[in-house]
Amino acid sequence: MAAAAPDPVEDSPARLAAKLRLRFKDPELLRLALTHRSLVHDLLALGGDPVLAAAQTNERLEFLGDAVLGAIVAEYLYALDPLADEGTLTKRRVALIRAETLVRWAREIDLGSYLYLGPNEQPGDSSRDRMLAGAFEALLGAIALDRGPRAARRFLGRFLARDGLEIIAAADGIENPKGRLQEIMHDRFKTAPSYRVVASAGPEHAREFTVEVTMEGRMLGLGTGASKREAEQVAAAAALTVLATEEPPLAPA
């Protein structure tokens, strides 16, 4: 039987579960999701069986999480835009599940600080990004396996709800949603969008703003970000989706 991964002074799975407000029926699944393959060498050095040692890393959960991620994102995109064709949906899905997106979300929850790594593991920037993306998928797989698809959907949904529309806008070639929205509304309605901060939360050093964008009193989109400008861009991306999917085209109230 392979030796168990060594515990740090503070228990990583318990700390991460508390941070994410998740309750695992089987905490060992979360531990497994955090165990990088670099630890296999240490398990083997302790006399572990090679097959069992490999099974004690997060690679199998990463495989599962990749499938769960793809399914949740596909469902999200399918419901978001009823007029998008298969090619558009595929392009948007690639943007949402690419490694850069997963690394961004992994860093947001500081996932790297909870990983079990081999003592000689000193990853460079590119390999660390791959490690973080894989760990995020493994975490999603562990949540789906332990708590079910609905819990996995809720966990990923918090990221999609905030960042999804902005990422989609970029995938559609809209690098500046605010500027694009300004152009469309001027050309179509001869008016300009109006932005308003409707909420702000968090300490001064980590403020989060929620902004709504309206057209002559009609709310078109909401956006949340670490700055007012970022929140406005997300709100504009949401408004662009509304304008693209409204049929007949949206008119002022």
Protein backbone atom coordinates (compact mmCIF):
# COMPACT_ATOMS: atom_id res chain seq x y z
CA MET A 1 0.00 0.00 0.00
CA ALA A 2 1.33 3.42 -0.99
CA ALA A 3 2.24 5.85 1.71
CA ALA A 4 -0.11 8.79 2.21
CA ALA A 5 0.88 12.27 1.13
CA PRO A 6 2.45 14.19 4.02
CA ASP A 7 0.32 16.80 5.69
CA PRO A 8 1.53 20.40 5.94
CA VAL A 9 1.36 22.13 9.29
CA GLU A 10 -2.13 23.33 8.38
CA ASP A 11 -4.40 20.90 6.57
CA SER A 12 -4.78 22.07 2.96
CA PRO A 13 -8.07 20.29 2.11
CA ALA A 14 -9.80 21.56 5.25
CA ARG A 15 -8.54 25.11 4.73
CA LEU A 16 -9.53 25.18 1.07
CA ALA A 17 -12.97 23.71 1.77
CA ALA A 18 -13.56 26.37 4.42
CA LYS A 19 -12.39 29.13 2.09
CA LEU A 20 -14.68 27.97 -0.71
CA ARG A 21 -17.53 27.18 1.70
CA LEU A 22 -17.70 23.60 0.51
CA ARG A 23 -18.45 20.59 2.68
CA PHE A 24 -17.07 17.31 1.36
CA LYS A 25 -18.60 13.97 2.31
CA ASP A 26 -15.22 12.42 1.53
CA PRO A 27 -12.41 14.89 2.37
CA GLU A 28 -9.89 12.50 0.83
CA LEU A 29 -11.28 13.34 -2.60
CA LEU A 30 -10.31 16.95 -2.07
CA ARG A 31 -6.88 15.89 -0.83
CA LEU A 32 -6.48 13.83 -4.00
CA ALA A 33 -7.47 16.80 -6.15
CA LEU A 34 -4.66 18.80 -4.56
CA THR A 35 -1.95 16.14 -4.97
CA HIS A 36 0.34 16.87 -7.92
CA ARG A 37 2.10 14.05 -9.74
CA SER A 38 5.49 15.38 -8.59
CA LEU A 39 4.70 13.71 -5.27
CA VAL A 40 4.72 10.26 -6.94
CA HIS A 41 8.52 10.16 -6.78
CA ASP A 42 8.40 10.64 -3.02
CA LEU A 43 5.73 7.96 -2.62
CA LEU A 44 7.86 5.53 -4.61
CA ALA A 45 10.93 6.40 -2.54
CA LEU A 46 8.94 5.41 0.53
CA GLY A 47 8.36 1.98 -0.98
CA GLY A 48 4.98 2.60 -2.56
CA ASP A 49 3.55 0.53 -5.38
CA PRO A 50 3.96 2.37 -8.74
CA VAL A 51 0.37 1.79 -9.85
CA LEU A 52 -1.14 2.80 -6.53
CA ALA A 53 1.23 5.76 -6.25
CA ALA A 54 0.09 7.10 -9.63
CA ALA A 55 -3.54 6.69 -8.54
CA GLN A 56 -2.83 8.93 -5.55
CA THR A 57 -2.29 12.00 -7.74
CA ASN A 58 -4.91 14.35 -9.16
CA GLU A 59 -4.55 13.24 -12.79
CA ARG A 60 -7.64 11.00 -12.83
CA LEU A 61 -9.73 13.75 -11.21
CA GLU A 62 -8.30 16.20 -13.75
CA PHE A 63 -9.59 13.92 -16.52
CA LEU A 64 -13.04 13.85 -14.92
CA GLY A 65 -13.04 17.58 -14.23
CA ASP A 66 -12.18 18.35 -17.84
CA ALA A 67 -15.32 16.52 -18.96
CA VAL A 68 -17.47 18.17 -16.27
CA LEU A 69 -16.08 21.60 -17.23
CA GLY A 70 -16.91 21.06 -20.89
CA ALA A 71 -20.45 19.93 -20.14
CA ILE A 72 -21.26 22.82 -17.79
CA VAL A 73 -19.82 25.42 -20.17
CA ALA A 74 -21.67 23.91 -23.13
CA GLU A 75 -24.96 24.04 -21.21
CA TYR A 76 -24.25 27.63 -20.14
CA LEU A 77 -23.54 28.75 -23.70
CA TYR A 78 -26.51 26.88 -25.16
CA ALA A 79 -28.93 28.61 -22.79
CA LEU A 80 -27.22 32.01 -23.05
CA ASP A 81 -27.66 32.61 -26.77
CA PRO A 82 -30.51 30.77 -28.57
CA LEU A 83 -29.40 32.19 -31.94
CA ALA A 84 -25.74 31.11 -31.84
CA ASP A 85 -24.80 28.41 -34.35
CA GLU A 86 -22.56 25.42 -33.62
CA GLY A 87 -19.42 27.15 -34.86
CA THR A 88 -20.00 30.19 -32.65
CA LEU A 89 -20.78 28.03 -29.62
CA THR A 90 -17.62 25.99 -30.18
CA LYS A 91 -15.45 29.12 -30.46
CA ARG A 92 -16.93 30.52 -27.26
CA ARG A 93 -16.50 27.23 -25.42
CA VAL A 94 -12.82 27.09 -26.36
CA ALA A 95 -12.35 30.60 -24.95
CA LEU A 96 -14.06 29.71 -21.67
CA ILE A 97 -12.21 26.44 -21.03
CA ARG A 98 -8.75 27.42 -22.26
CA ALA A 99 -5.86 27.12 -19.83
CA GLU A 100 -5.48 30.89 -19.43
CA THR A 101 -9.04 31.15 -18.13
CA LEU A 102 -8.61 28.26 -15.69
CA VAL A 103 -5.31 29.65 -14.43
CA ARG A 104 -6.97 33.01 -13.79
CA TRP A 105 -9.69 31.35 -11.71
CA ALA A 106 -7.20 29.09 -9.91
CA ARG A 107 -5.10 32.08 -8.91
CA GLU A 108 -8.17 33.93 -7.71
CA ILE A 109 -8.80 31.25 -5.08
CA ASP A 110 -5.05 30.92 -4.45
CA LEU A 111 -5.22 27.25 -5.40
CA GLY A 112 -1.47 26.92 -5.83
CA SER A 113 -0.82 27.47 -2.13
CA TYR A 114 -2.94 24.42 -1.24
CA LEU A 115 -1.25 21.91 -3.58
CA TYR A 116 0.81 18.96 -2.40
CA LEU A 117 4.05 19.06 -4.40
CA GLY A 118 7.23 17.05 -4.36
CA PRO A 119 9.99 18.78 -2.37
CA ASN A 120 12.14 19.15 -5.48
CA GLU A 121 9.33 20.62 -7.57
CA GLN A 122 10.33 24.10 -8.72
CA PRO A 123 8.06 24.82 -11.68
CA GLY A 124 8.66 27.65 -14.10
CA ASP A 125 5.91 30.02 -15.15
CA SER A 126 4.59 27.87 -18.02
CA SER A 127 4.67 24.59 -16.11
CA ARG A 128 3.10 26.25 -13.08
CA ASP A 129 0.26 27.51 -15.26
CA ARG A 130 -0.34 23.96 -16.51
CA MET A 131 -0.27 22.75 -12.92
CA LEU A 132 -2.86 25.33 -11.82
CA ALA A 133 -5.17 24.66 -14.78
CA GLY A 134 -5.02 20.92 -14.09
CA ALA A 135 -5.62 21.41 -10.38
CA PHE A 136 -8.68 23.56 -11.08
CA GLU A 137 -10.12 20.82 -13.28
CA ALA A 138 -9.29 18.22 -10.61
CA LEU A 139 -11.04 20.35 -7.97
CA LEU A 140 -14.13 20.60 -10.18
CA GLY A 141 -14.04 16.84 -10.74
CA ALA A 142 -13.80 16.21 -6.99
CA ILE A 143 -16.78 18.48 -6.31
CA ALA A 144 -18.86 16.71 -8.98
CA LEU A 145 -17.92 13.27 -7.66
CA ASP A 146 -18.49 14.12 -4.00
CA ARG A 147 -21.40 16.57 -4.10
CA GLY A 148 -22.93 15.89 -7.50
CA PRO A 149 -23.28 17.80 -10.80
CA ARG A 150 -25.45 20.51 -9.27
CA ALA A 151 -22.74 21.47 -6.79
CA ALA A 152 -20.14 21.51 -9.56
CA ARG A 153 -22.44 23.74 -11.61
CA ARG A 154 -22.86 26.14 -8.69
CA PHE A 155 -19.11 26.31 -8.09
CA LEU A 156 -18.24 27.01 -11.71
CA GLY A 157 -21.29 29.22 -12.12
CA ARG A 158 -19.86 31.90 -9.85
CA PHE A 159 -16.98 32.38 -12.29
CA LEU A 160 -19.12 32.15 -15.42
CA ALA A 161 -21.66 34.64 -14.08
CA ARG A 162 -18.96 37.23 -13.49
CA ASP A 163 -16.49 36.60 -16.34
CA GLY A 164 -18.39 34.62 -18.96
CA LEU A 165 -19.84 37.47 -20.98
CA GLU A 166 -16.56 39.40 -21.04
CA ILE A 167 -14.66 36.32 -22.26
CA ILE A 168 -17.33 35.64 -24.88
CA ALA A 169 -17.15 39.23 -26.13
CA ALA A 170 -13.39 38.88 -26.56
CA ALA A 171 -13.87 35.54 -28.36
CA ASP A 172 -16.30 37.23 -30.71
CA GLY A 173 -13.64 39.79 -31.56
CA ILE A 174 -15.01 42.56 -29.35
CA GLU A 175 -11.96 43.75 -27.42
CA ASN A 176 -13.67 46.84 -26.03
CA PRO A 177 -17.31 46.02 -25.13
CA LYS A 178 -18.01 49.59 -23.95
CA GLY A 179 -16.83 51.06 -27.21
CA ARG A 180 -18.73 48.51 -29.27
CA LEU A 181 -21.93 49.07 -27.29
CA GLN A 182 -21.58 52.82 -27.77
CA GLU A 183 -21.31 52.34 -31.55
CA ILE A 184 -24.27 49.96 -31.81
CA MET A 185 -26.59 52.08 -29.69
CA HIS A 186 -25.65 55.25 -31.57
CA ASP A 187 -26.19 53.60 -34.97
CA ARG A 188 -29.37 51.74 -34.05
CA PHE A 189 -31.09 53.98 -31.53
CA LYS A 190 -29.34 57.35 -31.82
CA THR A 191 -28.71 57.30 -28.09
CA ALA A 192 -25.90 56.44 -25.66
CA PRO A 193 -25.69 53.88 -22.84
CA SER A 194 -25.75 55.06 -19.25
CA TYR A 195 -23.69 53.40 -16.50
CA ARG A 196 -24.40 53.47 -12.77
CA VAL A 197 -22.74 51.81 -9.78
CA VAL A 198 -25.51 49.92 -7.98
CA ALA A 199 -23.42 48.17 -5.32
CA SER A 200 -19.92 47.94 -3.86
CA ALA A 201 -18.56 45.51 -1.31
CA GLY A 202 -15.35 44.36 0.33
CA PRO A 203 -12.45 46.12 2.05
CA GLU A 204 -10.78 49.13 0.45
CA HIS A 205 -7.87 47.05 -0.88
CA ALA A 206 -10.16 44.44 -2.47
CA ARG A 207 -13.25 46.40 -3.48
CA GLU A 208 -15.81 44.81 -5.81
CA PHE A 209 -18.17 46.99 -7.82
CA THR A 210 -21.45 46.13 -9.52
CA VAL A 211 -22.50 48.38 -12.39
CA GLU A 212 -25.66 48.43 -14.47
CA VAL A 213 -25.90 49.77 -17.99
CA THR A 214 -29.21 51.20 -19.18
CA MET A 215 -30.74 52.68 -22.30
CA GLU A 216 -33.30 55.37 -21.66
CA GLY A 217 -34.29 53.75 -18.39
CA ARG A 218 -34.22 50.13 -19.59
CA MET A 219 -31.64 47.93 -17.88
CA LEU A 220 -29.57 46.00 -20.43
CA GLY A 221 -26.87 44.37 -18.33
CA LEU A 222 -25.06 44.04 -15.01
CA GLY A 223 -21.34 43.67 -14.47
CA THR A 224 -19.07 43.08 -11.49
CA GLY A 225 -15.36 43.86 -11.28
CA ALA A 226 -12.47 44.96 -9.11
CA SER A 227 -12.79 48.48 -10.52
CA LYS A 228 -15.65 50.57 -11.88
CA ARG A 229 -14.12 50.43 -15.36
CA GLU A 230 -13.85 46.63 -15.27
CA ALA A 231 -17.44 46.33 -14.03
CA GLU A 232 -18.60 48.65 -16.82
CA GLN A 233 -16.87 46.50 -19.44
CA VAL A 234 -18.56 43.35 -18.11
CA ALA A 235 -21.94 45.13 -18.03
CA ALA A 236 -21.41 46.30 -21.61
CA ALA A 237 -20.58 42.74 -22.70
CA ALA A 238 -23.85 41.57 -21.10
CA ALA A 239 -25.75 44.31 -22.94
CA LEU A 240 -24.18 43.29 -26.25
CA THR A 241 -25.47 39.76 -25.72
CA VAL A 242 -28.96 41.12 -25.04
CA LEU A 243 -28.88 43.23 -28.19
CA ALA A 244 -27.60 40.30 -30.25
CA THR A 245 -30.21 37.82 -29.03
CA GLU A 246 -33.26 40.11 -28.88
CA GLU A 247 -35.65 39.45 -31.71
CA PRO A 248 -37.06 41.73 -32.93
CA PRO A 249 -34.20 44.14 -32.10
CA LEU A 250 -34.54 45.83 -28.74
CA ALA A 251 -36.04 49.32 -28.90
CA PRO A 252 -36.06 52.04 -26.26
CA ALA A 253 -38.88 51.85 -23.72
